[in-house]
Amino acid sequence: MKIKFLSYNGDLIGLTVNKNYLIFRWTEPNCKVLFSVCRQGNGASCHFASDKKGVFKIKRAINEWCEFVFWLFDRAELIFAKVNHKSVAKLIARCGFIMIYSKNDKSIWIRCR
């Protein structure tokens, strides 16, 4: 597998993180797409943030990210996404995520291995 994500330390452009999250930048040129990931049980909790140029490539970035996460955490069975925006929910649904919980415009989605 060609690695398309590098460890990142810099401006987070609004990326959700805490001390438990690893931060990566997608290596696609001419855009900035960041992902954070934290192992939780048999899954991985993930967030993303993008600049305007990256938004146009975000579906591909998310799909490549999921492959990378399952490679990085070889025992992880699923990826969790905690979503606060309907537009993001629509996007990740097109990337193979399934909603498992929803309340007050907030939802939790998973993508299985």
PDB file of N, CA and C in Angstrom:
ATOM      1  N   MET A   1       0.844  -1.190   0.000  1.00  0.00           N
ATOM      2  CA  MET A   1       0.000   0.000   0.000  1.00  0.00           C
ATOM      3  C   MET A   1       0.883   1.245   0.000  1.00  0.00           C
ATOM      4  N   LYS A   2       0.606   2.149  -0.907  1.00  0.00           N
ATOM      5  CA  LYS A   2       1.322   3.418  -0.947  1.00  0.00           C
ATOM      6  C   LYS A   2       0.762   4.323   0.143  1.00  0.00           C
ATOM      7  N   ILE A   3       1.622   4.836   0.993  1.00  0.00           N
ATOM      8  CA  ILE A   3       1.192   5.708   2.087  1.00  0.00           C
ATOM      9  C   ILE A   3       0.847   7.083   1.519  1.00  0.00           C
ATOM     10  N   LYS A   4      -0.384   7.519   1.767  1.00  0.00           N
ATOM     11  CA  LYS A   4      -0.867   8.800   1.258  1.00  0.00           C
ATOM     12  C   LYS A   4      -1.135   9.792   2.374  1.00  0.00           C
ATOM     13  N   PHE A   5      -0.673   9.459   3.597  1.00  0.00           N
ATOM     14  CA  PHE A   5      -0.894  10.318   4.754  1.00  0.00           C
ATOM     15  C   PHE A   5       0.387  10.410   5.556  1.00  0.00           C
ATOM     16  N   LEU A   6       0.700  11.614   5.997  1.00  0.00           N
ATOM     17  CA  LEU A   6       1.890  11.846   6.808  1.00  0.00           C
ATOM     18  C   LEU A   6       1.481  12.462   8.135  1.00  0.00           C
ATOM     19  N   SER A   7       2.217  12.112   9.181  1.00  0.00           N
ATOM     20  CA  SER A   7       1.992  12.717  10.482  1.00  0.00           C
ATOM     21  C   SER A   7       2.097  14.231  10.336  1.00  0.00           C
ATOM     22  N   TYR A   8       1.243  14.954  11.052  1.00  0.00           N
ATOM     23  CA  TYR A   8       1.162  16.403  10.850  1.00  0.00           C
ATOM     24  C   TYR A   8       1.196  17.139  12.179  1.00  0.00           C
ATOM     25  N   ASN A   9       1.883  18.284  12.165  1.00  0.00           N
ATOM     26  CA  ASN A   9       1.939  19.177  13.318  1.00  0.00           C
ATOM     27  C   ASN A   9       1.950  20.597  12.772  1.00  0.00           C
ATOM     28  N   GLY A  10       0.834  21.286  12.889  1.00  0.00           N
ATOM     29  CA  GLY A  10       0.735  22.645  12.364  1.00  0.00           C
ATOM     30  C   GLY A  10      -0.661  23.179  12.565  1.00  0.00           C
ATOM     31  N   ASP A  11      -1.051  24.158  11.740  1.00  0.00           N
ATOM     32  CA  ASP A  11      -2.382  24.752  11.810  1.00  0.00           C
ATOM     33  C   ASP A  11      -3.438  23.684  11.542  1.00  0.00           C
ATOM     34  N   LEU A  12      -4.376  23.519  12.459  1.00  0.00           N
ATOM     35  CA  LEU A  12      -5.360  22.441  12.377  1.00  0.00           C
ATOM     36  C   LEU A  12      -6.623  22.808  11.587  1.00  0.00           C
ATOM     37  N   ILE A  13      -6.739  24.016  11.098  1.00  0.00           N
ATOM     38  CA  ILE A  13      -7.889  24.496  10.314  1.00  0.00           C
ATOM     39  C   ILE A  13      -9.231  23.970  10.843  1.00  0.00           C
ATOM     40  N   GLY A  14      -9.383  23.955  12.175  1.00  0.00           N
ATOM     41  CA  GLY A  14     -10.646  23.554  12.782  1.00  0.00           C
ATOM     42  C   GLY A  14     -10.809  22.068  13.039  1.00  0.00           C
ATOM     43  N   LEU A  15      -9.787  21.283  12.845  1.00  0.00           N
ATOM     44  CA  LEU A  15      -9.855  19.833  13.058  1.00  0.00           C
ATOM     45  C   LEU A  15     -10.099  19.522  14.526  1.00  0.00           C
ATOM     46  N   THR A  16     -11.021  18.601  14.797  1.00  0.00           N
ATOM     47  CA  THR A  16     -11.315  18.176  16.160  1.00  0.00           C
ATOM     48  C   THR A  16     -10.248  17.213  16.648  1.00  0.00           C
ATOM     49  N   VAL A  17      -9.609  17.558  17.753  1.00  0.00           N
ATOM     50  CA  VAL A  17      -8.564  16.707  18.332  1.00  0.00           C
ATOM     51  C   VAL A  17      -8.534  16.886  19.848  1.00  0.00           C
ATOM     52  N   ASN A  18      -7.898  15.946  20.512  1.00  0.00           N
ATOM     53  CA  ASN A  18      -7.475  16.103  21.895  1.00  0.00           C
ATOM     54  C   ASN A  18      -6.166  15.358  22.024  1.00  0.00           C
ATOM     55  N   LYS A  19      -5.652  15.215  23.233  1.00  0.00           N
ATOM     56  CA  LYS A  19      -4.331  14.619  23.416  1.00  0.00           C
ATOM     57  C   LYS A  19      -4.259  13.156  22.988  1.00  0.00           C
ATOM     58  N   ASN A  20      -5.400  12.491  22.811  1.00  0.00           N
ATOM     59  CA  ASN A  20      -5.424  11.086  22.430  1.00  0.00           C
ATOM     60  C   ASN A  20      -5.411  10.854  20.923  1.00  0.00           C
ATOM     61  N   TYR A  21      -5.573  11.900  20.138  1.00  0.00           N
ATOM     62  CA  TYR A  21      -5.692  11.763  18.679  1.00  0.00           C
ATOM     63  C   TYR A  21      -4.351  11.914  17.978  1.00  0.00           C
ATOM     64  N   LEU A  22      -4.138  11.094  16.970  1.00  0.00           N
ATOM     65  CA  LEU A  22      -3.035  11.258  16.031  1.00  0.00           C
ATOM     66  C   LEU A  22      -3.549  12.132  14.899  1.00  0.00           C
ATOM     67  N   ILE A  23      -2.692  12.968  14.332  1.00  0.00           N
ATOM     68  CA  ILE A  23      -3.091  13.896  13.274  1.00  0.00           C
ATOM     69  C   ILE A  23      -2.271  13.600  12.028  1.00  0.00           C
ATOM     70  N   PHE A  24      -2.969  13.534  10.889  1.00  0.00           N
ATOM     71  CA  PHE A  24      -2.330  13.245   9.617  1.00  0.00           C
ATOM     72  C   PHE A  24      -2.783  14.239   8.562  1.00  0.00           C
ATOM     73  N   ARG A  25      -1.899  14.463   7.592  1.00  0.00           N
ATOM     74  CA  ARG A  25      -2.228  15.291   6.429  1.00  0.00           C
ATOM     75  C   ARG A  25      -2.201  14.410   5.190  1.00  0.00           C
ATOM     76  N   TRP A  26      -3.218  14.554   4.354  1.00  0.00           N
ATOM     77  CA  TRP A  26      -3.280  13.850   3.073  1.00  0.00           C
ATOM     78  C   TRP A  26      -2.211  14.441   2.176  1.00  0.00           C
ATOM     79  N   THR A  27      -1.488  13.610   1.436  1.00  0.00           N
ATOM     80  CA  THR A  27      -0.349  14.077   0.646  1.00  0.00           C
ATOM     81  C   THR A  27      -0.713  14.622  -0.729  1.00  0.00           C
ATOM     82  N   GLU A  28      -1.996  14.695  -1.051  1.00  0.00           N
ATOM     83  CA  GLU A  28      -2.417  15.257  -2.336  1.00  0.00           C
ATOM     84  C   GLU A  28      -1.904  16.698  -2.443  1.00  0.00           C
ATOM     85  N   PRO A  29      -1.233  17.035  -3.554  1.00  0.00           N
ATOM     86  CA  PRO A  29      -0.690  18.393  -3.683  1.00  0.00           C
ATOM     87  C   PRO A  29      -1.779  19.449  -3.897  1.00  0.00           C
ATOM     88  N   ASN A  30      -1.425  20.674  -3.619  1.00  0.00           N
ATOM     89  CA  ASN A  30      -2.259  21.857  -3.873  1.00  0.00           C
ATOM     90  C   ASN A  30      -3.549  21.907  -3.061  1.00  0.00           C
ATOM     91  N   CYS A  31      -3.584  21.211  -1.928  1.00  0.00           N
ATOM     92  CA  CYS A  31      -4.733  21.313  -1.034  1.00  0.00           C
ATOM     93  C   CYS A  31      -4.281  20.881   0.359  1.00  0.00           C
ATOM     94  N   LYS A  32      -5.110  21.172   1.334  1.00  0.00           N
ATOM     95  CA  LYS A  32      -4.802  20.783   2.709  1.00  0.00           C
ATOM     96  C   LYS A  32      -6.015  20.069   3.281  1.00  0.00           C
ATOM     97  N   VAL A  33      -5.871  18.758   3.473  1.00  0.00           N
ATOM     98  CA  VAL A  33      -6.911  17.944   4.078  1.00  0.00           C
ATOM     99  C   VAL A  33      -6.282  17.223   5.258  1.00  0.00           C
ATOM    100  N   LEU A  34      -6.853  17.441   6.441  1.00  0.00           N
ATOM    101  CA  LEU A  34      -6.327  16.853   7.670  1.00  0.00           C
ATOM    102  C   LEU A  34      -7.320  15.848   8.233  1.00  0.00           C
ATOM    103  N   PHE A  35      -6.768  14.836   8.895  1.00  0.00           N
ATOM    104  CA  PHE A  35      -7.577  13.829   9.573  1.00  0.00           C
ATOM    105  C   PHE A  35      -7.012  13.610  10.962  1.00  0.00           C
ATOM    106  N   SER A  36      -7.896  13.340  11.906  1.00  0.00           N
ATOM    107  CA  SER A  36      -7.448  12.925  13.235  1.00  0.00           C
ATOM    108  C   SER A  36      -8.072  11.570  13.516  1.00  0.00           C
ATOM    109  N   VAL A  37      -7.351  10.756  14.293  1.00  0.00           N
ATOM    110  CA  VAL A  37      -7.826   9.404  14.589  1.00  0.00           C
ATOM    111  C   VAL A  37      -7.418   9.020  16.001  1.00  0.00           C
ATOM    112  N   CYS A  38      -8.326   8.335  16.670  1.00  0.00           N
ATOM    113  CA  CYS A  38      -8.078   7.828  18.014  1.00  0.00           C
ATOM    114  C   CYS A  38      -8.665   6.424  18.083  1.00  0.00           C
ATOM    115  N   ARG A  39      -7.880   5.477  18.529  1.00  0.00           N
ATOM    116  CA  ARG A  39      -8.352   4.098  18.674  1.00  0.00           C
ATOM    117  C   ARG A  39      -9.338   4.023  19.832  1.00  0.00           C
ATOM    118  N   GLN A  40     -10.492   3.392  19.608  1.00  0.00           N
ATOM    119  CA  GLN A  40     -11.502   3.204  20.648  1.00  0.00           C
ATOM    120  C   GLN A  40     -12.023   1.778  20.543  1.00  0.00           C
ATOM    121  N   GLY A  41     -11.583   0.924  21.445  1.00  0.00           N
ATOM    122  CA  GLY A  41     -11.995  -0.474  21.422  1.00  0.00           C
ATOM    123  C   GLY A  41     -11.608  -1.133  20.117  1.00  0.00           C
ATOM    124  N   ASN A  42     -12.592  -1.722  19.440  1.00  0.00           N
ATOM    125  CA  ASN A  42     -12.300  -2.368  18.168  1.00  0.00           C
ATOM    126  C   ASN A  42     -12.532  -1.435  16.981  1.00  0.00           C
ATOM    127  N   GLY A  43     -12.557  -0.141  17.258  1.00  0.00           N
ATOM    128  CA  GLY A  43     -12.776   0.822  16.200  1.00  0.00           C
ATOM    129  C   GLY A  43     -11.825   2.002  16.296  1.00  0.00           C
ATOM    130  N   ALA A  44     -12.018   2.939  15.386  1.00  0.00           N
ATOM    131  CA  ALA A  44     -11.219   4.157  15.343  1.00  0.00           C
ATOM    132  C   ALA A  44     -12.170   5.337  15.153  1.00  0.00           C
ATOM    133  N   SER A  45     -12.054   6.327  16.019  1.00  0.00           N
ATOM    134  CA  SER A  45     -12.851   7.544  15.917  1.00  0.00           C
ATOM    135  C   SER A  45     -12.075   8.541  15.065  1.00  0.00           C
ATOM    136  N   CYS A  46     -12.731   9.097  14.049  1.00  0.00           N
ATOM    137  CA  CYS A  46     -12.029   9.973  13.104  1.00  0.00           C
ATOM    138  C   CYS A  46     -12.782  11.278  12.872  1.00  0.00           C
ATOM    139  N   HIS A  47     -12.011  12.305  12.535  1.00  0.00           N
ATOM    140  CA  HIS A  47     -12.531  13.614  12.147  1.00  0.00           C
ATOM    141  C   HIS A  47     -11.706  14.087  10.954  1.00  0.00           C
ATOM    142  N   PHE A  48     -12.270  15.029  10.197  1.00  0.00           N
ATOM    143  CA  PHE A  48     -11.498  15.625   9.107  1.00  0.00           C
ATOM    144  C   PHE A  48     -11.787  17.107   9.011  1.00  0.00           C
ATOM    145  N   ALA A  49     -10.860  17.813   8.377  1.00  0.00           N
ATOM    146  CA  ALA A  49     -11.018  19.236   8.069  1.00  0.00           C
ATOM    147  C   ALA A  49     -10.307  19.486   6.750  1.00  0.00           C
ATOM    148  N   SER A  50     -10.805  20.460   6.004  1.00  0.00           N
ATOM    149  CA  SER A  50     -10.241  20.713   4.686  1.00  0.00           C
ATOM    150  C   SER A  50     -10.237  22.197   4.369  1.00  0.00           C
ATOM    151  N   ASP A  51      -9.242  22.599   3.570  1.00  0.00           N
ATOM    152  CA  ASP A  51      -9.287  23.948   3.022  1.00  0.00           C
ATOM    153  C   ASP A  51     -10.221  23.937   1.809  1.00  0.00           C
ATOM    154  N   LYS A  52     -10.428  25.077   1.188  1.00  0.00           N
ATOM    155  CA  LYS A  52     -11.375  25.169   0.071  1.00  0.00           C
ATOM    156  C   LYS A  52     -10.962  24.313  -1.116  1.00  0.00           C
ATOM    157  N   LYS A  53      -9.682  24.239  -1.409  1.00  0.00           N
ATOM    158  CA  LYS A  53      -9.224  23.428  -2.537  1.00  0.00           C
ATOM    159  C   LYS A  53      -9.432  21.938  -2.258  1.00  0.00           C
ATOM    160  N   GLY A  54      -9.277  21.526  -1.020  1.00  0.00           N
ATOM    161  CA  GLY A  54      -9.435  20.127  -0.665  1.00  0.00           C
ATOM    162  C   GLY A  54     -10.873  19.650  -0.701  1.00  0.00           C
ATOM    163  N   VAL A  55     -11.822  20.564  -0.523  1.00  0.00           N
ATOM    164  CA  VAL A  55     -13.241  20.194  -0.517  1.00  0.00           C
ATOM    165  C   VAL A  55     -13.621  19.493  -1.823  1.00  0.00           C
ATOM    166  N   PHE A  56     -13.029  19.912  -2.918  1.00  0.00           N
ATOM    167  CA  PHE A  56     -13.355  19.330  -4.216  1.00  0.00           C
ATOM    168  C   PHE A  56     -12.828  17.906  -4.373  1.00  0.00           C
ATOM    169  N   LYS A  57     -11.924  17.500  -3.484  1.00  0.00           N
ATOM    170  CA  LYS A  57     -11.329  16.160  -3.551  1.00  0.00           C
ATOM    171  C   LYS A  57     -11.645  15.341  -2.299  1.00  0.00           C
ATOM    172  N   ILE A  58     -12.554  15.825  -1.479  1.00  0.00           N
ATOM    173  CA  ILE A  58     -12.730  15.248  -0.144  1.00  0.00           C
ATOM    174  C   ILE A  58     -13.273  13.821  -0.167  1.00  0.00           C
ATOM    175  N   LYS A  59     -14.119  13.483  -1.107  1.00  0.00           N
ATOM    176  CA  LYS A  59     -14.645  12.117  -1.163  1.00  0.00           C
ATOM    177  C   LYS A  59     -13.499  11.122  -1.372  1.00  0.00           C
ATOM    178  N   ARG A  60     -12.607  11.419  -2.299  1.00  0.00           N
ATOM    179  CA  ARG A  60     -11.449  10.540  -2.536  1.00  0.00           C
ATOM    180  C   ARG A  60     -10.552  10.498  -1.310  1.00  0.00           C
ATOM    181  N   ALA A  61     -10.360  11.644  -0.676  1.00  0.00           N
ATOM    182  CA  ALA A  61      -9.524  11.700   0.526  1.00  0.00           C
ATOM    183  C   ALA A  61     -10.107  10.822   1.634  1.00  0.00           C
ATOM    184  N   ILE A  62     -11.410  10.887   1.835  1.00  0.00           N
ATOM    185  CA  ILE A  62     -12.046  10.082   2.886  1.00  0.00           C
ATOM    186  C   ILE A  62     -11.921   8.596   2.581  1.00  0.00           C
ATOM    187  N   ASN A  63     -12.153   8.209   1.334  1.00  0.00           N
ATOM    188  CA  ASN A  63     -12.028   6.794   0.987  1.00  0.00           C
ATOM    189  C   ASN A  63     -10.590   6.290   1.164  1.00  0.00           C
ATOM    190  N   GLU A  64      -9.624   7.091   0.773  1.00  0.00           N
ATOM    191  CA  GLU A  64      -8.219   6.706   0.973  1.00  0.00           C
ATOM    192  C   GLU A  64      -7.876   6.690   2.460  1.00  0.00           C
ATOM    193  N   TRP A  65      -8.445   7.609   3.214  1.00  0.00           N
ATOM    194  CA  TRP A  65      -8.225   7.653   4.659  1.00  0.00           C
ATOM    195  C   TRP A  65      -8.718   6.364   5.315  1.00  0.00           C
ATOM    196  N   CYS A  66      -9.893   5.911   4.935  1.00  0.00           N
ATOM    197  CA  CYS A  66     -10.437   4.687   5.528  1.00  0.00           C
ATOM    198  C   CYS A  66      -9.518   3.497   5.268  1.00  0.00           C
ATOM    199  N   GLU A  67      -9.001   3.377   4.065  1.00  0.00           N
ATOM    200  CA  GLU A  67      -8.029   2.314   3.759  1.00  0.00           C
ATOM    201  C   GLU A  67      -6.807   2.438   4.665  1.00  0.00           C
ATOM    202  N   PHE A  68      -6.335   3.660   4.829  1.00  0.00           N
ATOM    203  CA  PHE A  68      -5.155   3.903   5.661  1.00  0.00           C
ATOM    204  C   PHE A  68      -5.413   3.539   7.120  1.00  0.00           C
ATOM    205  N   VAL A  69      -6.574   3.920   7.648  1.00  0.00           N
ATOM    206  CA  VAL A  69      -6.901   3.619   9.047  1.00  0.00           C
ATOM    207  C   VAL A  69      -6.953   2.115   9.280  1.00  0.00           C
ATOM    208  N   PHE A  70      -7.567   1.370   8.360  1.00  0.00           N
ATOM    209  CA  PHE A  70      -7.640  -0.076   8.526  1.00  0.00           C
ATOM    210  C   PHE A  70      -6.254  -0.726   8.392  1.00  0.00           C
ATOM    211  N   TRP A  71      -5.355  -0.085   7.651  1.00  0.00           N
ATOM    212  CA  TRP A  71      -3.978  -0.568   7.589  1.00  0.00           C
ATOM    213  C   TRP A  71      -3.234  -0.216   8.889  1.00  0.00           C
ATOM    214  N   LEU A  72      -3.413   1.026   9.347  1.00  0.00           N
ATOM    215  CA  LEU A  72      -2.727   1.513  10.542  1.00  0.00           C
ATOM    216  C   LEU A  72      -3.145   0.732  11.788  1.00  0.00           C
ATOM    217  N   PHE A  73      -4.428   0.515  11.939  1.00  0.00           N
ATOM    218  CA  PHE A  73      -4.979  -0.241  13.064  1.00  0.00           C
ATOM    219  C   PHE A  73      -5.511  -1.564  12.515  1.00  0.00           C
ATOM    220  N   ASP A  74      -4.622  -2.488  12.303  1.00  0.00           N
ATOM    221  CA  ASP A  74      -4.983  -3.722  11.596  1.00  0.00           C
ATOM    222  C   ASP A  74      -6.039  -4.562  12.312  1.00  0.00           C
ATOM    223  N   ARG A  75      -6.276  -4.307  13.589  1.00  0.00           N
ATOM    224  CA  ARG A  75      -7.322  -5.049  14.310  1.00  0.00           C
ATOM    225  C   ARG A  75      -8.623  -4.269  14.445  1.00  0.00           C
ATOM    226  N   ALA A  76      -8.642  -3.056  13.949  1.00  0.00           N
ATOM    227  CA  ALA A  76      -9.875  -2.258  13.991  1.00  0.00           C
ATOM    228  C   ALA A  76     -10.903  -2.862  13.037  1.00  0.00           C
ATOM    229  N   GLU A  77     -12.119  -2.961  13.498  1.00  0.00           N
ATOM    230  CA  GLU A  77     -13.192  -3.526  12.684  1.00  0.00           C
ATOM    231  C   GLU A  77     -14.076  -2.459  12.059  1.00  0.00           C
ATOM    232  N   LEU A  78     -14.017  -1.231  12.605  1.00  0.00           N
ATOM    233  CA  LEU A  78     -14.862  -0.177  12.055  1.00  0.00           C
ATOM    234  C   LEU A  78     -14.293   1.195  12.361  1.00  0.00           C
ATOM    235  N   ILE A  79     -14.799   2.168  11.624  1.00  0.00           N
ATOM    236  CA  ILE A  79     -14.435   3.572  11.818  1.00  0.00           C
ATOM    237  C   ILE A  79     -15.695   4.313  12.250  1.00  0.00           C
ATOM    238  N   PHE A  80     -15.583   5.100  13.322  1.00  0.00           N
ATOM    239  CA  PHE A  80     -16.670   5.931  13.818  1.00  0.00           C
ATOM    240  C   PHE A  80     -16.500   7.346  13.286  1.00  0.00           C
ATOM    241  N   ALA A  81     -17.595   7.969  12.920  1.00  0.00           N
ATOM    242  CA  ALA A  81     -17.577   9.389  12.569  1.00  0.00           C
ATOM    243  C   ALA A  81     -18.713  10.067  13.323  1.00  0.00           C
ATOM    244  N   LYS A  82     -18.364  11.061  14.115  1.00  0.00           N
ATOM    245  CA  LYS A  82     -19.359  11.838  14.850  1.00  0.00           C
ATOM    246  C   LYS A  82     -19.623  13.102  14.039  1.00  0.00           C
ATOM    247  N   VAL A  83     -20.854  13.257  13.576  1.00  0.00           N
ATOM    248  CA  VAL A  83     -21.179  14.287  12.589  1.00  0.00           C
ATOM    249  C   VAL A  83     -22.148  15.311  13.159  1.00  0.00           C
ATOM    250  N   ASN A  84     -21.841  16.599  12.928  1.00  0.00           N
ATOM    251  CA  ASN A  84     -22.690  17.697  13.398  1.00  0.00           C
ATOM    252  C   ASN A  84     -23.323  18.488  12.254  1.00  0.00           C
ATOM    253  N   HIS A  85     -23.052  18.110  11.005  1.00  0.00           N
ATOM    254  CA  HIS A  85     -23.557  18.868   9.854  1.00  0.00           C
ATOM    255  C   HIS A  85     -24.203  17.925   8.846  1.00  0.00           C
ATOM    256  N   LYS A  86     -25.375  18.308   8.356  1.00  0.00           N
ATOM    257  CA  LYS A  86     -26.083  17.468   7.382  1.00  0.00           C
ATOM    258  C   LYS A  86     -25.276  17.266   6.109  1.00  0.00           C
ATOM    259  N   SER A  87     -24.555  18.288   5.674  1.00  0.00           N
ATOM    260  CA  SER A  87     -23.766  18.154   4.444  1.00  0.00           C
ATOM    261  C   SER A  87     -22.669  17.106   4.607  1.00  0.00           C
ATOM    262  N   VAL A  88     -22.072  17.036   5.788  1.00  0.00           N
ATOM    263  CA  VAL A  88     -21.044  16.024   6.047  1.00  0.00           C
ATOM    264  C   VAL A  88     -21.684  14.640   6.102  1.00  0.00           C
ATOM    265  N   ALA A  89     -22.862  14.545   6.693  1.00  0.00           N
ATOM    266  CA  ALA A  89     -23.569  13.263   6.749  1.00  0.00           C
ATOM    267  C   ALA A  89     -23.841  12.744   5.337  1.00  0.00           C
ATOM    268  N   LYS A  90     -24.288  13.610   4.447  1.00  0.00           N
ATOM    269  CA  LYS A  90     -24.542  13.192   3.066  1.00  0.00           C
ATOM    270  C   LYS A  90     -23.255  12.728   2.392  1.00  0.00           C
ATOM    271  N   LEU A  91     -22.185  13.441   2.632  1.00  0.00           N
ATOM    272  CA  LEU A  91     -20.895  13.084   2.040  1.00  0.00           C
ATOM    273  C   LEU A  91     -20.416  11.714   2.509  1.00  0.00           C
ATOM    274  N   ILE A  92     -20.403  11.489   3.810  1.00  0.00           N
ATOM    275  CA  ILE A  92     -19.864  10.216   4.288  1.00  0.00           C
ATOM    276  C   ILE A  92     -20.795   9.046   3.967  1.00  0.00           C
ATOM    277  N   ALA A  93     -22.079   9.322   3.783  1.00  0.00           N
ATOM    278  CA  ALA A  93     -22.983   8.262   3.323  1.00  0.00           C
ATOM    279  C   ALA A  93     -22.558   7.795   1.927  1.00  0.00           C
ATOM    280  N   ARG A  94     -22.131   8.737   1.082  1.00  0.00           N
ATOM    281  CA  ARG A  94     -21.652   8.381  -0.254  1.00  0.00           C
ATOM    282  C   ARG A  94     -20.301   7.663  -0.204  1.00  0.00           C
ATOM    283  N   CYS A  95     -19.641   7.709   0.950  1.00  0.00           N
ATOM    284  CA  CYS A  95     -18.355   7.021   1.124  1.00  0.00           C
ATOM    285  C   CYS A  95     -18.521   5.672   1.829  1.00  0.00           C
ATOM    286  N   GLY A  96     -19.747   5.199   1.974  1.00  0.00           N
ATOM    287  CA  GLY A  96     -19.973   3.877   2.539  1.00  0.00           C
ATOM    288  C   GLY A  96     -20.222   3.824   4.032  1.00  0.00           C
ATOM    289  N   PHE A  97     -20.390   4.968   4.671  1.00  0.00           N
ATOM    290  CA  PHE A  97     -20.704   4.983   6.100  1.00  0.00           C
ATOM    291  C   PHE A  97     -22.205   4.761   6.299  1.00  0.00           C
ATOM    292  N   ILE A  98     -22.559   4.156   7.419  1.00  0.00           N
ATOM    293  CA  ILE A  98     -23.951   3.881   7.771  1.00  0.00           C
ATOM    294  C   ILE A  98     -24.258   4.577   9.093  1.00  0.00           C
ATOM    295  N   MET A  99     -25.380   5.303   9.141  1.00  0.00           N
ATOM    296  CA  MET A  99     -25.764   5.995  10.368  1.00  0.00           C
ATOM    297  C   MET A  99     -26.311   4.986  11.378  1.00  0.00           C
ATOM    298  N   ILE A 100     -25.791   5.060  12.610  1.00  0.00           N
ATOM    299  CA  ILE A 100     -26.284   4.161  13.660  1.00  0.00           C
ATOM    300  C   ILE A 100     -27.013   4.904  14.773  1.00  0.00           C
ATOM    301  N   TYR A 101     -26.906   6.242  14.794  1.00  0.00           N
ATOM    302  CA  TYR A 101     -27.567   7.025  15.841  1.00  0.00           C
ATOM    303  C   TYR A 101     -27.741   8.454  15.351  1.00  0.00           C
ATOM    304  N   SER A 102     -28.883   9.056  15.710  1.00  0.00           N
ATOM    305  CA  SER A 102     -29.128  10.443  15.343  1.00  0.00           C
ATOM    306  C   SER A 102     -30.014  11.102  16.395  1.00  0.00           C
ATOM    307  N   LYS A 103     -29.665  12.334  16.758  1.00  0.00           N
ATOM    308  CA  LYS A 103     -30.479  13.125  17.676  1.00  0.00           C
ATOM    309  C   LYS A 103     -30.091  14.592  17.514  1.00  0.00           C
ATOM    310  N   ASN A 104     -31.102  15.435  17.319  1.00  0.00           N
ATOM    311  CA  ASN A 104     -30.888  16.886  17.234  1.00  0.00           C
ATOM    312  C   ASN A 104     -29.801  17.273  16.227  1.00  0.00           C
ATOM    313  N   ASP A 105     -29.894  16.795  15.021  1.00  0.00           N
ATOM    314  CA  ASP A 105     -28.942  17.111  13.944  1.00  0.00           C
ATOM    315  C   ASP A 105     -27.519  16.615  14.202  1.00  0.00           C
ATOM    316  N   LYS A 106     -27.323  15.786  15.209  1.00  0.00           N
ATOM    317  CA  LYS A 106     -26.020  15.164  15.457  1.00  0.00           C
ATOM    318  C   LYS A 106     -26.196  13.676  15.218  1.00  0.00           C
ATOM    319  N   SER A 107     -25.180  13.058  14.629  1.00  0.00           N
ATOM    320  CA  SER A 107     -25.310  11.644  14.311  1.00  0.00           C
ATOM    321  C   SER A 107     -23.973  10.934  14.442  1.00  0.00           C
ATOM    322  N   ILE A 108     -24.065   9.639  14.570  1.00  0.00           N
ATOM    323  CA  ILE A 108     -22.878   8.782  14.614  1.00  0.00           C
ATOM    324  C   ILE A 108     -22.979   7.809  13.459  1.00  0.00           C
ATOM    325  N   TRP A 109     -21.909   7.720  12.721  1.00  0.00           N
ATOM    326  CA  TRP A 109     -21.837   6.876  11.531  1.00  0.00           C
ATOM    327  C   TRP A 109     -20.693   5.887  11.690  1.00  0.00           C
ATOM    328  N   ILE A 110     -20.814   4.723  11.042  1.00  0.00           N
ATOM    329  CA  ILE A 110     -19.721   3.765  11.040  1.00  0.00           C
ATOM    330  C   ILE A 110     -19.455   3.264   9.626  1.00  0.00           C
ATOM    331  N   ARG A 111     -18.219   2.879   9.414  1.00  0.00           N
ATOM    332  CA  ARG A 111     -17.840   2.190   8.180  1.00  0.00           C
ATOM    333  C   ARG A 111     -17.062   0.966   8.611  1.00  0.00           C
ATOM    334  N   CYS A 112     -17.557  -0.197   8.233  1.00  0.00           N
ATOM    335  CA  CYS A 112     -16.930  -1.453   8.625  1.00  0.00           C
ATOM    336  C   CYS A 112     -15.797  -1.822   7.663  1.00  0.00           C
ATOM    337  N   ARG A 113     -14.909  -2.625   8.161  1.00  0.00           N
ATOM    338  CA  ARG A 113     -13.764  -3.098   7.383  1.00  0.00           C
ATOM    339  C   ARG A 113     -14.238  -3.807   6.134  1.00  0.00           C
TER     340      ARG A 113
END
